[in-house]
Every structure is written in structure tokens, then in C-alpha cells.
Protein backbone atom coordinates (compact mmCIF):
# COMPACT_ATOMS: atom_id res chain seq x y z
CA MET A 1 0.16 0.11 -0.11
CA LYS A 2 1.32 3.33 -0.84
CA THR A 3 0.36 5.09 2.37
CA HIS A 4 3.22 7.03 2.78
CA TYR A 5 3.56 8.01 -0.85
CA TYR A 6 -0.26 10.06 -0.96
CA ARG A 7 -0.49 10.89 2.83
CA ASP A 8 1.29 14.61 2.35
CA ASP A 9 -0.87 14.80 -1.11
CA ILE A 10 -4.00 13.77 0.66
CA MET A 11 -3.51 16.17 3.69
CA LYS A 12 -2.70 19.07 1.35
CA ILE A 13 -6.09 17.90 -0.70
CA CYS A 14 -8.07 17.92 2.23
CA ASP A 15 -6.64 21.07 3.97
CA LYS A 16 -9.61 23.61 4.71
CA ASN A 17 -11.78 21.25 2.47
CA HIS A 18 -14.59 18.53 3.29
CA LEU A 19 -14.37 16.43 0.28
CA THR A 20 -15.62 12.59 -0.31
CA VAL A 21 -12.75 9.61 -1.23
CA GLU A 22 -14.44 10.23 -5.28
CA GLU A 23 -13.18 13.78 -4.72
CA ILE A 24 -9.75 13.21 -3.34
CA PHE A 25 -9.37 10.34 -5.91
CA GLU A 26 -10.03 12.93 -8.54
CA LYS A 27 -7.63 15.48 -7.77
CA LEU A 28 -5.37 12.79 -6.65
CA SER A 29 -5.45 10.92 -9.93
CA LYS A 30 -4.29 14.64 -11.50
CA ILE A 31 -1.31 13.98 -9.87
CA TYR A 32 -0.64 10.52 -10.10
CA ASP A 33 -2.09 8.82 -13.44
CA ASP A 34 -1.39 5.32 -11.54
CA ALA A 35 -3.70 6.10 -8.65
CA TRP A 36 -6.17 3.19 -7.75
CA LYS A 37 -9.43 4.21 -5.88
CA SER A 38 -9.21 1.27 -3.80
CA THR A 39 -5.94 2.63 -2.70
CA VAL A 40 -7.16 5.86 -1.94
CA TYR A 41 -10.20 4.50 0.01
CA ARG A 42 -7.73 2.36 2.56
CA ASN A 43 -5.45 5.36 2.26
CA VAL A 44 -8.25 7.84 3.85
CA GLU A 45 -9.29 5.08 6.30
CA GLU A 46 -5.69 4.51 7.43
CA MET A 47 -5.35 8.13 7.88
CA VAL A 48 -8.76 8.37 10.02
CA LYS A 49 -7.40 5.63 12.13
CA SER A 50 -4.29 7.48 12.99
CA TRP A 51 -6.07 10.94 13.32
CA ASP A 52 -4.53 12.62 10.11
CA LEU A 53 -8.22 13.11 8.90
CA LYS A 54 -11.73 13.07 10.37
CA LYS A 55 -14.63 11.57 8.97
CA VAL A 56 -18.14 13.40 8.83
CA VAL A 57 -20.97 11.25 8.57
CA TRP A 58 -24.24 13.47 6.97
CA VAL A 59 -27.46 12.33 7.28
CA TRP A 60 -27.66 10.41 3.89
CA LYS A 61 -24.93 8.10 4.97
CA LYS A 62 -22.38 10.20 2.50
CA ALA A 63 -18.47 10.39 4.34
CA TYR A 64 -16.53 13.55 3.93
CA PHE A 65 -13.18 14.02 5.56
CA GLU A 66 -11.48 16.84 6.26
CA THR A 67 -8.19 17.83 8.33
CA ASN A 68 -9.58 19.57 11.25
CA ILE A 69 -9.61 16.99 13.62
CA TRP A 70 -10.75 18.64 16.79
CA ASN A 71 -14.01 18.90 17.94
CA HIS A 72 -16.46 21.30 16.42
CA ILE A 73 -19.53 22.01 14.73
CA HIS A 74 -20.59 21.72 11.01
CA LEU A 75 -22.48 24.45 9.47
CA ILE A 76 -24.41 23.32 6.58
CA ASP A 77 -26.01 25.00 3.66
CA ILE A 78 -29.08 22.99 2.21
CA ASN A 79 -29.06 25.03 -0.72
CA THR A 80 -25.20 24.69 -2.03
CA TRP A 81 -24.14 21.52 0.42
CA PHE A 82 -21.22 23.96 1.45
CA ILE A 83 -20.31 22.91 4.57
CA MET A 84 -18.22 25.24 7.14
CA ASP A 85 -16.66 24.74 10.30
CA LEU A 86 -17.50 26.67 13.51
CA GLN A 87 -14.56 27.25 15.20
CA ASP A 88 -15.24 28.47 18.60
CA GLU A 89 -14.74 25.88 21.80
CA VAL A 90 -17.35 23.86 22.14
CA MET A 91 -19.39 23.69 25.50
CA ILE A 92 -22.20 21.55 26.01
CA PRO A 93 -23.97 22.56 29.15
CA ASN A 94 -25.90 19.99 31.58
CA LEU A 95 -23.24 17.11 31.23
CA PRO A 96 -23.62 14.76 33.84
CA LYS A 97 -20.23 15.52 36.31
CA ASN A 98 -18.93 11.84 35.35
CA PHE A 99 -19.13 11.82 31.58
CA LYS A 100 -15.98 13.17 29.70
CA MET A 101 -16.82 13.83 26.16
CA THR A 102 -14.31 12.12 24.06
CA ASP A 103 -15.74 12.92 20.69
CA LEU A 104 -18.47 15.35 18.82
CA ASP A 105 -20.45 15.01 15.83
CA ILE A 106 -22.95 18.18 15.79
CA LYS A 107 -24.17 19.31 12.27
CA LEU A 108 -26.71 22.10 11.61
CA PHE A 109 -28.47 22.49 8.77
CA GLY A 110 -29.92 25.78 7.37
CA GLU A 111 -29.54 28.53 4.90
CA PHE A 112 -26.70 31.30 4.89
CA SER A 113 -28.29 34.42 3.82
CA SER A 114 -26.42 36.88 1.36
């Protein structure tokens, strides 16, 4: 597997973006004409396991990947499907004192006004 070979390029492609594996493969195949979609899938999944990428699953079970691995909220425009990260520190009130949050997956769907 060429994980070490594609890793840096996948990180650059995903920087400040929310992309599917298909979109990552499309961009990567412009750099490497011998890239295989199955290899890109395996690379991306390995990068999620190693905390290089974060996997964001939508309601429709479509997965998007990003380099922002820290807990944050996603704002999703329902007209354009543009995804924006809300970068403030996330505080959840009223959590039980004996509960330690280890991950967060909050998506807010709406519309950005002009």
C-alpha cells in the first residue's frame, strides 16, 4: 500500500476542505495517473485511524473527510451543501459530571443569507 506515498498529497487536498473519497481520488489522479480508487480508500481510512483526517458522516450516510480533527460543529447550507466549520470551543451545558466527552458530531443544517 502506498500510504506514505499519497499521505502528504491527501493532506494538502483535504486542507480546509470537506471532500468525499471520490473527490479526493479525482484530485489525486491528476497528480498520479496510476492512482487506484481502492488504494485511495484504504489510505483515507488509515489516515482516519491515525488521526490525520476526520470522517464526517451526513444524514444520507455519505462520508466527507477533513484535516480539522478537533471537536467542532459543522454548519451545512441546504441549498449549496457548502460545509463550514464553526471554530469556537464547544461547551455542552448540563452534561453529567461523571461523563467525559471524547468526540463530538454536531451538524446544523440551514441556509446562509446573502
